Amino acid sequence: MKSTKFIYYILAAVVVALVIMIAKESFFQPGMERFEGKYKTLGTYRNENNTGPVIRIYAVKAIDSDFTWMEEYGNSLPHTKYGRTMVFFFKDEIDEEIKLSPKEPHFLESLRPYLIGSYEKTPMGEVRFKSENE
């Protein structure tokens, strides 16, 4: 009788420990605050389609031009299944708001020399990151 109580207490302790571990991992994930001081949003576009593919386009001023951080920044932005998320990273020299459109090239052609890189998450979730220095 005592050995079954002991087994139940051990199982209960293991379950409680797992629930605490899962809750900790769920609530304390790194957020967008890790990118503060590295990137500044200059413009956004999102189509109004909520039942079909959602297109999100971001223009971002990259104060830190490390490409791994850029790709991580793009991965942390919202993405909808069968939607498309695009991020255009611009040099630190640009400070004005950028007007984005759903049609190619998505921003004024005069801003092309300031483009550092572009990130795209396709409708099937594939990530494409392209450095403009290549």
N, C-alpha and C. Protein backbone atom coordinates (compact mmCIF):
# COMPACT_ATOMS: atom_id res chain seq x y z
N MET A 1 0.82 -1.19 0.00
CA MET A 1 0.00 0.00 0.00
C MET A 1 0.86 1.26 0.00
N LYS A 2 1.90 1.25 0.83
CA LYS A 2 2.77 2.42 0.90
C LYS A 2 3.57 2.61 -0.39
N SER A 3 3.92 1.51 -1.04
CA SER A 3 4.69 1.63 -2.28
C SER A 3 3.84 2.23 -3.41
N THR A 4 2.53 1.95 -3.46
CA THR A 4 1.68 2.56 -4.49
C THR A 4 1.51 4.05 -4.25
N LYS A 5 1.40 4.47 -3.00
CA LYS A 5 1.31 5.91 -2.70
C LYS A 5 2.60 6.60 -3.12
N PHE A 6 3.70 5.95 -2.84
CA PHE A 6 5.00 6.52 -3.20
C PHE A 6 5.12 6.68 -4.72
N ILE A 7 4.67 5.70 -5.47
CA ILE A 7 4.70 5.78 -6.95
C ILE A 7 3.80 6.90 -7.44
N TYR A 8 2.61 7.05 -6.84
CA TYR A 8 1.71 8.14 -7.23
C TYR A 8 2.33 9.51 -6.94
N TYR A 9 3.00 9.64 -5.82
CA TYR A 9 3.65 10.92 -5.48
C TYR A 9 4.78 11.22 -6.47
N ILE A 10 5.53 10.22 -6.85
CA ILE A 10 6.61 10.42 -7.83
C ILE A 10 6.01 10.82 -9.18
N LEU A 11 4.97 10.11 -9.61
CA LEU A 11 4.33 10.46 -10.89
C LEU A 11 3.74 11.87 -10.84
N ALA A 12 3.11 12.24 -9.75
CA ALA A 12 2.55 13.58 -9.60
C ALA A 12 3.66 14.63 -9.65
N ALA A 13 4.78 14.36 -9.00
CA ALA A 13 5.91 15.30 -9.01
C ALA A 13 6.46 15.47 -10.43
N VAL A 14 6.57 14.37 -11.16
CA VAL A 14 7.07 14.43 -12.54
C VAL A 14 6.11 15.23 -13.42
N VAL A 15 4.80 14.99 -13.26
CA VAL A 15 3.81 15.72 -14.06
C VAL A 15 3.85 17.21 -13.73
N VAL A 16 3.92 17.56 -12.45
CA VAL A 16 4.00 18.98 -12.05
C VAL A 16 5.27 19.62 -12.61
N ALA A 17 6.39 18.91 -12.53
CA ALA A 17 7.64 19.44 -13.06
C ALA A 17 7.54 19.67 -14.57
N LEU A 18 6.93 18.76 -15.30
CA LEU A 18 6.76 18.92 -16.74
C LEU A 18 5.84 20.10 -17.07
N VAL A 19 4.75 20.25 -16.33
CA VAL A 19 3.84 21.38 -16.56
C VAL A 19 4.56 22.70 -16.30
N ILE A 20 5.34 22.77 -15.23
CA ILE A 20 6.09 24.00 -14.93
C ILE A 20 7.11 24.29 -16.03
N MET A 21 7.80 23.26 -16.50
CA MET A 21 8.81 23.44 -17.55
C MET A 21 8.15 23.91 -18.86
N ILE A 22 7.03 23.31 -19.23
CA ILE A 22 6.32 23.70 -20.45
C ILE A 22 5.81 25.13 -20.35
N ALA A 23 5.25 25.48 -19.19
CA ALA A 23 4.74 26.85 -19.00
C ALA A 23 5.87 27.86 -19.07
N LYS A 24 7.01 27.55 -18.45
CA LYS A 24 8.16 28.46 -18.49
C LYS A 24 8.64 28.68 -19.92
N GLU A 25 8.76 27.59 -20.67
CA GLU A 25 9.20 27.69 -22.06
C GLU A 25 8.20 28.45 -22.92
N SER A 26 6.92 28.34 -22.61
CA SER A 26 5.88 29.01 -23.40
C SER A 26 5.83 30.50 -23.14
N PHE A 27 5.97 30.89 -21.89
CA PHE A 27 5.79 32.30 -21.53
C PHE A 27 7.05 33.13 -21.61
N PHE A 28 8.20 32.53 -21.67
CA PHE A 28 9.44 33.29 -21.64
C PHE A 28 10.27 33.13 -22.91
N GLN A 29 9.61 33.08 -24.06
CA GLN A 29 10.29 33.05 -25.35
C GLN A 29 10.80 34.44 -25.69
N PRO A 30 11.94 34.55 -26.37
CA PRO A 30 12.42 35.87 -26.75
C PRO A 30 11.46 36.51 -27.75
N GLY A 31 11.23 37.79 -27.60
CA GLY A 31 10.30 38.51 -28.47
C GLY A 31 11.02 39.51 -29.35
N MET A 32 10.26 40.45 -29.87
CA MET A 32 10.83 41.46 -30.77
C MET A 32 11.74 42.44 -30.04
N GLU A 33 11.70 42.47 -28.71
CA GLU A 33 12.55 43.40 -27.98
C GLU A 33 14.03 43.11 -28.17
N ARG A 34 14.38 41.90 -28.58
CA ARG A 34 15.80 41.59 -28.82
C ARG A 34 16.34 42.32 -30.04
N PHE A 35 15.45 42.86 -30.88
CA PHE A 35 15.87 43.58 -32.08
C PHE A 35 15.87 45.09 -31.88
N GLU A 36 15.46 45.56 -30.70
CA GLU A 36 15.43 47.01 -30.46
C GLU A 36 16.82 47.59 -30.59
N GLY A 37 16.93 48.68 -31.29
CA GLY A 37 18.21 49.31 -31.52
C GLY A 37 18.94 48.78 -32.74
N LYS A 38 18.45 47.70 -33.34
CA LYS A 38 19.08 47.13 -34.52
C LYS A 38 18.29 47.44 -35.79
N TYR A 39 16.96 47.54 -35.65
CA TYR A 39 16.10 47.76 -36.81
C TYR A 39 15.01 48.76 -36.46
N LYS A 40 14.60 49.52 -37.48
CA LYS A 40 13.51 50.48 -37.32
C LYS A 40 12.58 50.33 -38.52
N THR A 41 11.30 50.13 -38.27
CA THR A 41 10.33 49.96 -39.35
C THR A 41 10.06 51.30 -40.01
N LEU A 42 10.24 51.34 -41.34
CA LEU A 42 10.00 52.56 -42.11
C LEU A 42 8.68 52.52 -42.85
N GLY A 43 8.11 51.35 -43.05
CA GLY A 43 6.84 51.23 -43.74
C GLY A 43 6.32 49.81 -43.71
N THR A 44 5.00 49.67 -43.75
CA THR A 44 4.39 48.35 -43.80
C THR A 44 3.22 48.36 -44.78
N TYR A 45 2.93 47.20 -45.30
CA TYR A 45 1.76 47.01 -46.16
C TYR A 45 1.18 45.65 -45.83
N ARG A 46 -0.14 45.60 -45.71
CA ARG A 46 -0.84 44.33 -45.54
C ARG A 46 -2.14 44.43 -46.31
N ASN A 47 -2.38 43.44 -47.17
CA ASN A 47 -3.64 43.46 -47.90
C ASN A 47 -4.78 43.12 -46.95
N GLU A 48 -5.97 43.47 -47.34
CA GLU A 48 -7.14 43.29 -46.48
C GLU A 48 -7.79 41.92 -46.62
N ASN A 49 -7.16 41.01 -47.31
CA ASN A 49 -7.73 39.69 -47.56
C ASN A 49 -7.52 38.80 -46.33
N ASN A 50 -8.59 38.49 -45.63
CA ASN A 50 -8.47 37.63 -44.45
C ASN A 50 -8.86 36.19 -44.73
N THR A 51 -9.46 35.90 -45.88
CA THR A 51 -9.87 34.54 -46.18
C THR A 51 -8.92 33.85 -47.15
N GLY A 52 -8.12 34.59 -47.86
CA GLY A 52 -7.18 34.01 -48.81
C GLY A 52 -5.77 34.32 -48.39
N PRO A 53 -4.85 34.34 -49.34
CA PRO A 53 -3.46 34.62 -48.99
C PRO A 53 -3.27 36.05 -48.49
N VAL A 54 -2.63 36.18 -47.34
CA VAL A 54 -2.34 37.48 -46.76
C VAL A 54 -0.93 37.87 -47.16
N ILE A 55 -0.78 39.06 -47.70
CA ILE A 55 0.53 39.55 -48.11
C ILE A 55 0.96 40.63 -47.12
N ARG A 56 2.13 40.42 -46.53
CA ARG A 56 2.70 41.40 -45.61
C ARG A 56 4.04 41.85 -46.18
N ILE A 57 4.23 43.16 -46.27
CA ILE A 57 5.48 43.71 -46.79
C ILE A 57 5.98 44.74 -45.78
N TYR A 58 7.27 44.65 -45.44
CA TYR A 58 7.88 45.55 -44.47
C TYR A 58 9.10 46.21 -45.09
N ALA A 59 9.28 47.49 -44.81
CA ALA A 59 10.51 48.21 -45.14
C ALA A 59 11.17 48.55 -43.82
N VAL A 60 12.42 48.13 -43.66
CA VAL A 60 13.10 48.24 -42.37
C VAL A 60 14.46 48.90 -42.57
N LYS A 61 14.77 49.84 -41.68
CA LYS A 61 16.10 50.45 -41.67
C LYS A 61 16.98 49.57 -40.80
N ALA A 62 18.06 49.04 -41.37
CA ALA A 62 18.95 48.13 -40.66
C ALA A 62 20.12 48.92 -40.08
N ILE A 63 20.07 49.15 -38.78
CA ILE A 63 21.17 49.82 -38.10
C ILE A 63 22.32 48.84 -37.92
N ASP A 64 21.97 47.58 -37.66
CA ASP A 64 22.95 46.49 -37.59
C ASP A 64 22.80 45.67 -38.87
N SER A 65 23.82 45.64 -39.71
CA SER A 65 23.70 44.99 -41.02
C SER A 65 24.24 43.56 -41.03
N ASP A 66 24.12 42.85 -39.91
CA ASP A 66 24.52 41.45 -39.84
C ASP A 66 23.41 40.61 -40.49
N PHE A 67 23.74 39.84 -41.51
CA PHE A 67 22.74 39.12 -42.29
C PHE A 67 22.04 38.01 -41.49
N THR A 68 22.73 37.40 -40.54
CA THR A 68 22.06 36.38 -39.72
C THR A 68 20.98 37.01 -38.85
N TRP A 69 21.24 38.22 -38.33
CA TRP A 69 20.22 38.93 -37.55
C TRP A 69 19.06 39.35 -38.44
N MET A 70 19.36 39.73 -39.67
CA MET A 70 18.28 40.12 -40.59
C MET A 70 17.36 38.95 -40.87
N GLU A 71 17.95 37.80 -41.13
CA GLU A 71 17.13 36.63 -41.40
C GLU A 71 16.32 36.23 -40.16
N GLU A 72 16.93 36.34 -38.99
CA GLU A 72 16.21 36.03 -37.75
C GLU A 72 15.07 37.02 -37.52
N TYR A 73 15.30 38.28 -37.87
CA TYR A 73 14.25 39.30 -37.76
C TYR A 73 13.07 38.94 -38.67
N GLY A 74 13.37 38.56 -39.90
CA GLY A 74 12.32 38.16 -40.83
C GLY A 74 11.56 36.93 -40.34
N ASN A 75 12.27 35.98 -39.76
CA ASN A 75 11.62 34.78 -39.23
C ASN A 75 10.69 35.09 -38.07
N SER A 76 10.97 36.16 -37.33
CA SER A 76 10.14 36.46 -36.16
C SER A 76 8.90 37.29 -36.50
N LEU A 77 8.79 37.76 -37.73
CA LEU A 77 7.61 38.53 -38.13
C LEU A 77 6.45 37.58 -38.42
N PRO A 78 5.21 38.08 -38.32
CA PRO A 78 4.04 37.20 -38.55
C PRO A 78 4.00 36.66 -39.98
N HIS A 79 3.52 35.44 -40.09
CA HIS A 79 3.35 34.80 -41.39
C HIS A 79 2.08 33.97 -41.34
N THR A 80 1.28 34.05 -42.38
CA THR A 80 0.03 33.31 -42.46
C THR A 80 0.19 32.16 -43.43
N LYS A 81 -0.41 31.04 -43.10
CA LYS A 81 -0.36 29.89 -44.00
C LYS A 81 -0.89 30.29 -45.37
N TYR A 82 -0.17 29.96 -46.41
CA TYR A 82 -0.45 30.31 -47.80
C TYR A 82 -0.32 31.81 -48.06
N GLY A 83 0.18 32.57 -47.11
CA GLY A 83 0.43 33.99 -47.30
C GLY A 83 1.89 34.21 -47.66
N ARG A 84 2.25 35.45 -47.81
CA ARG A 84 3.63 35.79 -48.17
C ARG A 84 4.08 36.95 -47.28
N THR A 85 5.27 36.82 -46.72
CA THR A 85 5.86 37.88 -45.90
C THR A 85 7.16 38.30 -46.57
N MET A 86 7.29 39.60 -46.83
CA MET A 86 8.50 40.13 -47.45
C MET A 86 9.04 41.27 -46.59
N VAL A 87 10.36 41.29 -46.41
CA VAL A 87 11.02 42.35 -45.65
C VAL A 87 12.15 42.88 -46.51
N PHE A 88 12.18 44.20 -46.66
CA PHE A 88 13.26 44.86 -47.40
C PHE A 88 14.09 45.65 -46.39
N PHE A 89 15.39 45.35 -46.33
CA PHE A 89 16.30 46.00 -45.39
C PHE A 89 17.06 47.10 -46.12
N PHE A 90 16.99 48.30 -45.56
CA PHE A 90 17.64 49.47 -46.16
C PHE A 90 18.78 49.95 -45.29
N LYS A 91 19.72 50.68 -45.90
CA LYS A 91 20.86 51.22 -45.18
C LYS A 91 20.41 52.21 -44.11
N ASP A 92 21.31 52.46 -43.20
CA ASP A 92 21.07 53.36 -42.07
C ASP A 92 20.86 54.80 -42.52
N GLU A 93 21.24 55.12 -43.75
CA GLU A 93 21.17 56.50 -44.25
C GLU A 93 19.73 56.98 -44.46
N ILE A 94 18.80 56.07 -44.66
CA ILE A 94 17.41 56.42 -44.92
C ILE A 94 16.67 56.58 -43.60
N ASP A 95 15.89 57.65 -43.49
CA ASP A 95 15.14 57.87 -42.25
C ASP A 95 13.68 58.22 -42.51
N GLU A 96 13.32 58.46 -43.80
CA GLU A 96 11.94 58.83 -44.09
C GLU A 96 11.06 57.60 -44.22
N GLU A 97 9.77 57.79 -44.09
CA GLU A 97 8.81 56.70 -44.24
C GLU A 97 8.79 56.25 -45.70
N ILE A 98 8.68 54.95 -45.90
CA ILE A 98 8.67 54.37 -47.25
C ILE A 98 7.27 53.86 -47.54
N LYS A 99 6.71 54.31 -48.66
CA LYS A 99 5.38 53.87 -49.10
C LYS A 99 5.54 52.57 -49.87
N LEU A 100 4.85 51.53 -49.43
CA LEU A 100 4.95 50.21 -50.05
C LEU A 100 3.67 49.89 -50.80
N SER A 101 3.81 49.09 -51.86
CA SER A 101 2.65 48.69 -52.65
C SER A 101 2.72 47.18 -52.90
N PRO A 102 1.60 46.56 -53.23
CA PRO A 102 1.60 45.11 -53.47
C PRO A 102 2.24 44.71 -54.79
N LYS A 103 2.43 45.66 -55.68
CA LYS A 103 3.01 45.36 -57.01
C LYS A 103 4.52 45.52 -56.97
N GLU A 104 5.20 44.71 -57.77
CA GLU A 104 6.65 44.80 -57.91
C GLU A 104 7.03 46.19 -58.38
N PRO A 105 8.07 46.78 -57.96
CA PRO A 105 9.11 46.38 -57.03
C PRO A 105 8.78 46.69 -55.57
N HIS A 106 7.54 47.02 -55.25
CA HIS A 106 7.01 47.23 -53.90
C HIS A 106 7.42 48.56 -53.27
N PHE A 107 8.44 49.23 -53.78
CA PHE A 107 8.86 50.53 -53.26
C PHE A 107 9.45 51.33 -54.42
N LEU A 108 9.70 52.62 -54.19
CA LEU A 108 10.22 53.46 -55.26
C LEU A 108 11.58 52.96 -55.75
N GLU A 109 11.76 52.99 -57.04
CA GLU A 109 13.01 52.52 -57.65
C GLU A 109 14.20 53.37 -57.22
N SER A 110 13.95 54.62 -56.85
CA SER A 110 15.04 55.50 -56.40
C SER A 110 15.65 55.03 -55.08
N LEU A 111 14.97 54.15 -54.36
CA LEU A 111 15.50 53.63 -53.09
C LEU A 111 16.32 52.37 -53.28
N ARG A 112 16.37 51.82 -54.48
CA ARG A 112 17.10 50.58 -54.76
C ARG A 112 18.57 50.65 -54.34
N PRO A 113 19.30 51.77 -54.55
CA PRO A 113 20.72 51.80 -54.13
C PRO A 113 20.91 51.66 -52.61
N TYR A 114 19.89 51.95 -51.83
CA TYR A 114 19.98 51.87 -50.38
C TYR A 114 19.59 50.50 -49.83
N LEU A 115 19.17 49.61 -50.71
CA LEU A 115 18.72 48.28 -50.30
C LEU A 115 19.93 47.40 -49.93
N ILE A 116 19.89 46.82 -48.73
CA ILE A 116 20.97 45.94 -48.27
C ILE A 116 20.64 44.48 -48.58
N GLY A 117 19.40 44.10 -48.28
CA GLY A 117 19.00 42.72 -48.47
C GLY A 117 17.48 42.60 -48.46
N SER A 118 17.01 41.45 -48.90
CA SER A 118 15.57 41.21 -48.89
C SER A 118 15.30 39.81 -48.36
N TYR A 119 14.21 39.69 -47.64
CA TYR A 119 13.79 38.44 -47.02
C TYR A 119 12.39 38.12 -47.52
N GLU A 120 12.14 36.86 -47.81
CA GLU A 120 10.80 36.46 -48.22
C GLU A 120 10.48 35.09 -47.64
N LYS A 121 9.28 34.98 -47.08
CA LYS A 121 8.76 33.69 -46.66
C LYS A 121 7.60 33.39 -47.59
N THR A 122 7.74 32.33 -48.36
CA THR A 122 6.79 32.00 -49.42
C THR A 122 5.50 31.40 -48.84
N PRO A 123 4.48 31.22 -49.68
CA PRO A 123 3.24 30.62 -49.20
C PRO A 123 3.41 29.22 -48.60
N MET A 124 4.42 28.51 -49.00
CA MET A 124 4.65 27.17 -48.45
C MET A 124 5.64 27.19 -47.29
N GLY A 125 6.03 28.38 -46.82
CA GLY A 125 6.89 28.50 -45.65
C GLY A 125 8.37 28.45 -45.94
N GLU A 126 8.76 28.44 -47.22
CA GLU A 126 10.19 28.45 -47.56
C GLU A 126 10.75 29.85 -47.35
N VAL A 127 11.96 29.93 -46.83
CA VAL A 127 12.59 31.21 -46.56
C VAL A 127 13.63 31.49 -47.64
N ARG A 128 13.56 32.69 -48.18
CA ARG A 128 14.56 33.15 -49.17
C ARG A 128 15.14 34.46 -48.66
N PHE A 129 16.44 34.46 -48.45
CA PHE A 129 17.11 35.69 -48.04
C PHE A 129 18.17 36.01 -49.07
N LYS A 130 18.14 37.25 -49.55
CA LYS A 130 19.06 37.65 -50.61
C LYS A 130 19.78 38.91 -50.18
N SER A 131 21.10 38.85 -50.20
CA SER A 131 21.92 40.01 -49.92
C SER A 131 22.12 40.79 -51.22
N GLU A 132 21.95 42.07 -51.17
CA GLU A 132 22.12 42.88 -52.38
C GLU A 132 23.59 43.12 -52.69
N ASN A 133 24.49 42.73 -51.81
CA ASN A 133 25.94 42.89 -52.02
C ASN A 133 26.50 41.78 -52.89
N GLU A 134 25.72 40.74 -53.11
CA GLU A 134 26.21 39.57 -53.88
C GLU A 134 26.31 39.86 -55.34
